[in-house]
Structures are given as structure tokens and as C-alpha cells.
Amino acid sequence: MENPLHHFELHTLVPIQIGGLDLSITQGVVMMWLAVAAAFAVLFFPAARLKLVPGRRQSLVEMAVVFLRDMTVELIGKKGPRFLPILAALFFFVLFCNLLGLIPGTFTATSQIFVTGALAVTAYLVSVGVGLKYHGLHYFKIFAPTGTPSWLVPLMVPIEVISHLARPLSLALRLFANMTAGHTILAVLFSLTVSLGIVLGWLPFGFTVAIYLLEFAVAFIQAYIFTILTTVYIGDAVHLH
């Protein structure tokens, strides 16, 4: 049976070394470029050809954007729509990385911890930047809210700091673990299907189809979870929760 983790190995396609820094292009980089291109194609062309009576594609895009906009208003408030561009960019990038990775023979960029980690750190830094922009240094009162007894501050501050620093870690690990686990199961079941042959291979093949459909749903769910948690973190920064 083929090693199920073989799918997650990165291979250099175009070696690039600059000053000892490895900037080589791998299949993961290519898939992220394709995800950006796919998101651009899906979103740009309907926006460039808006119709009073929207077609199928325009309707789907409008529904997705309105859904994200309503989510920002609900979780952030009146200032929510101004954060829609970055939240929509995160959602569609993660979504298309997940979906493209389901195509046989391709690579899932979000199965790499450095990719999900970079996205999570970006989301966290945006929330911190928003807090500093709206509240200045008062933003750091989030670690010891007003009314906290003085004797409790030395205990609360370290706990709150650890809790805050755990946000990007949990964001990165959740997306990485879900995409890796699902694709590993698919690889194992497909290998069993091939190794058992026509007579006995139908059973693992049936499970492969079921897990594949589940992974299709997970691709949307994980993009939504990543985006809604980022929205919550920005909302906390705006309202100092």
C-alpha cells in the first residue's frame, strides 16, 4: 500500500535560492496561485458584467457576498462591512484551496501547516491592528478588563495573554488537521480499493465516494469556520471584549 502521507510531500518544481533563502516554487505554491486565479475568475467576471436580472453565477456570488456581509454586521456591528474585503478574501482563498485539492492528482495547499499558519497569523495581526487603531494603547486593557480586582490582575493577565496567543495556533491547527485527516482517509481507502481488486474492492470504493462527498462539504465548512472566527476576533478588538 502506498504511503498515505506521500500526497502531502512538497517537491521543488523551480529552484530559487536568493541569499541563502529558499524561495523555490513547489506544487503547493502553484496550487495557491491557481486558487487565487479561480477565485478571481469566479468573482471578477460576474462583477464586470452585472445584470439587473442576475444569472446563475451572479446570483451565487451575490448570495455569498451578502452572507459574508451580514455576518460582519452581526458579529462586528455597523463597522463590519468595512472589513468585508479582507474577510471575503480569506474565505474564498481557503475555499478554493480546499476545493482544488479534491481534484485527483492535485495538491491541497491548506494541508500544509505553514500555509494555514501564515493565514492564521495574518488574521490575528489584523485583529490586533484593528484594536490598536480604534483604541490605541487602551486596547491592552483587554487583558485586564475594567473592574477586575487588583489582586486578580497578576493571575488574569498571563491567562488572557496565553488565550490570545492561542488564537492563531488554534486557527492554523484546525484547518490543517481537518484537511490532512480527510485526504489521508481518502488515500488509504483508495489504496485498499486498488489492492483488493474488482471482487472485494467495491466496499472500500463505496466508502471512498462517501468520504469524498463529505470532504466536499468540509471544504466549505472549514472556510466558513476560519472566516467566522476571524470575524469574531475583529469584533472583539472593535468592542474590547
Protein backbone atom coordinates (compact mmCIF):
# COMPACT_ATOMS: atom_id res chain seq x y z
CA MET A 1 0.00 0.00 0.00
CA GLU A 2 1.29 3.44 -0.90
CA ASN A 3 2.23 5.69 1.98
CA PRO A 4 -0.92 7.84 2.58
CA LEU A 5 1.26 10.77 3.64
CA HIS A 6 3.03 10.81 0.27
CA HIS A 7 0.36 13.20 -1.01
CA PHE A 8 1.48 15.88 1.46
CA GLU A 9 5.15 15.89 0.47
CA LEU A 10 6.36 19.08 -1.22
CA HIS A 11 8.51 18.78 -4.34
CA THR A 12 10.53 21.59 -5.85
CA LEU A 13 9.40 22.49 -9.35
CA VAL A 14 11.51 25.62 -9.91
CA PRO A 15 14.50 26.00 -7.56
CA ILE A 16 15.11 29.61 -6.46
CA GLN A 17 17.82 30.48 -3.96
CA ILE A 18 18.36 34.13 -3.00
CA GLY A 19 20.99 34.94 -0.39
CA GLY A 20 20.60 31.57 1.31
CA LEU A 21 16.81 31.96 1.38
CA ASP A 22 14.88 29.16 -0.30
CA LEU A 23 12.13 30.70 -2.46
CA SER A 24 11.67 27.66 -4.66
CA ILE A 25 8.33 27.11 -6.35
CA THR A 26 6.64 23.90 -5.22
CA GLN A 27 3.33 22.31 -6.15
CA GLY A 28 1.88 23.97 -3.06
CA VAL A 29 2.78 27.41 -4.40
CA VAL A 30 1.29 26.54 -7.78
CA MET A 31 -1.97 25.41 -6.16
CA MET A 32 -2.20 28.66 -4.20
CA TRP A 33 -1.71 30.60 -7.44
CA LEU A 34 -4.47 28.53 -9.03
CA ALA A 35 -6.74 29.16 -6.03
CA VAL A 36 -6.24 32.91 -6.39
CA ALA A 37 -6.86 32.68 -10.15
CA ALA A 38 -10.02 30.60 -9.63
CA ALA A 39 -11.38 32.99 -7.00
CA PHE A 40 -10.60 35.96 -9.25
CA ALA A 41 -12.34 34.33 -12.21
CA VAL A 42 -15.43 33.39 -10.19
CA LEU A 43 -15.78 36.82 -8.55
CA PHE A 44 -14.47 39.23 -11.19
CA PHE A 45 -16.37 38.20 -14.29
CA PRO A 46 -19.83 38.34 -12.71
CA ALA A 47 -18.93 41.73 -11.17
CA ALA A 48 -17.71 43.03 -14.54
CA ARG A 49 -20.96 42.03 -16.25
CA LEU A 50 -23.64 42.86 -13.70
CA LYS A 51 -27.19 42.36 -14.89
CA LEU A 52 -30.44 43.67 -13.48
CA VAL A 53 -31.78 40.12 -13.61
CA PRO A 54 -28.79 38.09 -12.37
CA GLY A 55 -27.81 34.83 -13.96
CA ARG A 56 -26.90 31.68 -12.07
CA ARG A 57 -23.27 32.60 -11.45
CA GLN A 58 -24.03 36.21 -10.47
CA SER A 59 -26.74 35.01 -8.09
CA LEU A 60 -24.36 32.58 -6.35
CA VAL A 61 -21.68 35.26 -5.96
CA GLU A 62 -24.19 37.80 -4.65
CA MET A 63 -25.55 35.28 -2.16
CA ALA A 64 -22.04 34.52 -0.88
CA VAL A 65 -21.07 38.18 -0.55
CA VAL A 66 -24.36 39.14 1.12
CA PHE A 67 -23.95 36.22 3.52
CA LEU A 68 -20.46 37.38 4.48
CA ARG A 69 -21.61 41.00 4.78
CA ASP A 70 -24.48 40.05 7.09
CA MET A 71 -22.06 38.01 9.18
CA THR A 72 -19.77 41.02 9.65
CA VAL A 73 -22.70 43.23 10.68
CA GLU A 74 -23.94 40.63 13.16
CA LEU A 75 -20.57 39.97 14.79
CA ILE A 76 -18.84 43.35 14.46
CA GLY A 77 -21.67 45.85 14.14
CA LYS A 78 -22.09 48.86 11.89
CA LYS A 79 -18.35 48.95 11.23
CA GLY A 80 -18.45 45.35 10.00
CA PRO A 81 -18.83 45.95 6.23
CA ARG A 82 -15.53 47.85 6.07
CA PHE A 83 -13.77 44.57 6.93
CA LEU A 84 -15.65 42.64 4.25
CA PRO A 85 -12.83 42.76 1.63
CA ILE A 86 -10.23 41.01 3.80
CA LEU A 87 -12.75 38.55 5.25
CA ALA A 88 -14.08 37.68 1.79
CA ALA A 89 -10.50 37.27 0.52
CA LEU A 90 -9.74 34.83 3.36
CA PHE A 91 -12.95 32.90 2.81
CA PHE A 92 -12.61 32.46 -0.95
CA PHE A 93 -8.87 31.74 -0.81
CA VAL A 94 -9.30 28.99 1.78
CA LEU A 95 -12.37 27.66 -0.01
CA PHE A 96 -10.71 27.34 -3.40
CA CYS A 97 -7.53 25.87 -1.89
CA ASN A 98 -9.75 23.23 -0.26
CA LEU A 99 -11.83 22.55 -3.37
CA LEU A 100 -8.92 22.38 -5.81
CA GLY A 101 -7.22 19.88 -3.52
CA LEU A 102 -10.13 17.49 -4.05
CA ILE A 103 -9.29 17.12 -7.73
CA PRO A 104 -7.41 13.81 -8.18
CA GLY A 105 -3.72 14.36 -8.88
CA THR A 106 -3.61 17.86 -7.40
CA PHE A 107 -2.23 19.15 -4.09
CA THR A 108 -4.08 20.61 -1.11
CA ALA A 109 -2.28 23.80 -0.06
CA THR A 110 -4.26 24.03 3.19
CA SER A 111 -2.90 20.65 4.27
CA GLN A 112 0.42 22.40 4.95
CA ILE A 113 0.79 23.89 8.43
CA PHE A 114 2.97 26.75 7.17
CA VAL A 115 0.14 27.86 4.85
CA THR A 116 -2.59 27.68 7.48
CA GLY A 117 -0.17 29.20 9.99
CA ALA A 118 0.53 32.18 7.71
CA LEU A 119 -3.20 32.73 7.21
CA ALA A 120 -3.89 32.45 10.94
CA VAL A 121 -1.10 34.86 11.91
CA THR A 122 -2.36 37.33 9.28
CA ALA A 123 -5.89 37.12 10.70
CA TYR A 124 -4.59 37.60 14.24
CA LEU A 125 -2.39 40.57 13.33
CA VAL A 126 -5.33 42.20 11.55
CA SER A 127 -7.43 41.90 14.71
CA VAL A 128 -4.63 43.36 16.84
CA GLY A 129 -4.11 46.18 14.34
CA VAL A 130 -7.84 46.95 14.40
CA GLY A 131 -7.78 47.09 18.20
CA LEU A 132 -4.81 49.47 18.25
CA LYS A 133 -6.37 51.65 15.55
CA TYR A 134 -9.67 52.13 17.38
CA HIS A 135 -8.43 52.16 20.97
CA GLY A 136 -4.71 52.92 20.91
CA LEU A 137 -2.82 51.57 23.91
CA HIS A 138 -6.15 51.16 25.74
CA TYR A 139 -6.56 48.06 23.61
CA PHE A 140 -4.28 46.20 26.00
CA LYS A 141 -6.91 46.64 28.72
CA ILE A 142 -8.50 43.60 27.11
CA PHE A 143 -6.04 41.55 29.18
CA ALA A 144 -7.39 43.07 32.42
CA PRO A 145 -10.91 44.46 31.92
CA THR A 146 -12.15 47.41 33.94
CA GLY A 147 -13.47 46.29 37.31
CA THR A 148 -11.03 43.43 37.73
CA PRO A 149 -9.85 43.27 41.38
CA SER A 150 -6.22 44.34 41.70
CA TRP A 151 -5.26 41.11 43.45
CA LEU A 152 -6.60 39.13 40.48
CA VAL A 153 -4.71 41.06 37.78
CA PRO A 154 -1.37 39.16 38.13
CA LEU A 155 -3.27 35.93 37.57
CA MET A 156 -5.66 37.13 34.86
CA VAL A 157 -3.15 38.89 32.59
CA PRO A 158 -0.96 35.81 31.89
CA ILE A 159 -4.09 33.70 31.28
CA GLU A 160 -5.53 36.26 28.85
CA VAL A 161 -2.19 36.65 27.04
CA ILE A 162 -1.91 32.88 26.59
CA SER A 163 -5.54 32.76 25.44
CA HIS A 164 -4.89 35.48 22.86
CA LEU A 165 -1.70 33.88 21.56
CA ALA A 166 -3.54 30.56 21.25
CA ARG A 167 -5.95 32.08 18.72
CA PRO A 168 -3.69 31.86 15.65
CA LEU A 169 -2.46 28.44 16.79
CA SER A 170 -6.00 27.05 17.03
CA LEU A 171 -6.96 28.62 13.69
CA ALA A 172 -3.95 27.09 11.95
CA LEU A 173 -4.22 23.64 13.52
CA ARG A 174 -7.98 23.30 12.97
CA LEU A 175 -7.79 23.91 9.22
CA PHE A 176 -4.57 21.93 8.78
CA ALA A 177 -5.79 18.91 10.78
CA ASN A 178 -9.18 18.69 9.07
CA MET A 179 -7.78 18.86 5.55
CA THR A 180 -4.92 16.46 6.31
CA ALA A 181 -7.11 13.89 8.06
CA GLY A 182 -9.72 13.80 5.31
CA HIS A 183 -7.22 13.40 2.49
CA THR A 184 -5.31 10.73 4.44
CA ILE A 185 -8.50 8.69 4.83
CA LEU A 186 -9.24 9.07 1.11
CA ALA A 187 -5.72 7.92 0.23
CA VAL A 188 -5.99 4.85 2.47
CA LEU A 189 -9.43 3.84 1.13
CA PHE A 190 -8.37 4.34 -2.49
CA SER A 191 -5.25 2.22 -1.92
CA LEU A 192 -7.42 -0.52 -0.40
CA THR A 193 -9.73 -0.35 -3.41
CA VAL A 194 -6.83 -0.86 -5.80
CA SER A 195 -5.14 -3.57 -3.75
CA LEU A 196 -8.31 -5.64 -3.17
CA GLY A 197 -9.27 -5.68 -6.84
CA ILE A 198 -12.67 -5.83 -8.51
CA VAL A 199 -14.17 -8.57 -6.32
CA LEU A 200 -13.57 -7.07 -2.88
CA GLY A 201 -12.66 -3.51 -3.79
CA TRP A 202 -16.26 -2.30 -4.14
CA LEU A 203 -16.67 -1.91 -0.36
CA PRO A 204 -13.76 0.50 0.26
CA PHE A 205 -14.66 2.21 -3.02
CA GLY A 206 -18.14 2.93 -1.66
CA PHE A 207 -16.61 4.42 1.47
CA THR A 208 -14.24 6.44 -0.72
CA VAL A 209 -17.17 8.04 -2.55
CA ALA A 210 -18.94 8.81 0.73
CA ILE A 211 -15.83 10.35 2.31
CA TYR A 212 -15.17 12.32 -0.87
CA LEU A 213 -18.65 13.88 -0.70
CA LEU A 214 -18.08 14.59 2.99
CA GLU A 215 -14.76 16.28 2.19
CA PHE A 216 -16.55 18.46 -0.36
CA ALA A 217 -18.81 19.71 2.43
CA VAL A 218 -15.85 20.05 4.81
CA ALA A 219 -14.12 22.33 2.28
CA PHE A 220 -16.96 24.84 2.66
CA ILE A 221 -17.35 24.32 6.41
CA GLN A 222 -13.67 24.89 7.18
CA ALA A 223 -13.55 28.04 5.05
CA TYR A 224 -16.62 29.31 6.91
CA ILE A 225 -15.21 28.44 10.35
CA PHE A 226 -11.89 30.11 9.58
CA THR A 227 -13.68 33.26 8.40
CA ILE A 228 -16.24 33.46 11.20
CA LEU A 229 -13.55 33.05 13.88
CA THR A 230 -11.51 35.81 12.25
CA THR A 231 -14.64 37.97 12.26
CA VAL A 232 -15.18 37.23 15.96
CA TYR A 233 -11.60 38.22 16.76
CA ILE A 234 -12.00 41.51 14.85
CA GLY A 235 -15.30 42.13 16.61
CA ASP A 236 -13.62 41.56 19.99
CA ALA A 237 -10.95 44.09 19.03
CA VAL A 238 -13.53 46.68 17.96
CA HIS A 239 -15.64 46.32 21.10
CA LEU A 240 -12.83 45.38 23.52
CA HIS A 241 -14.45 42.09 24.53
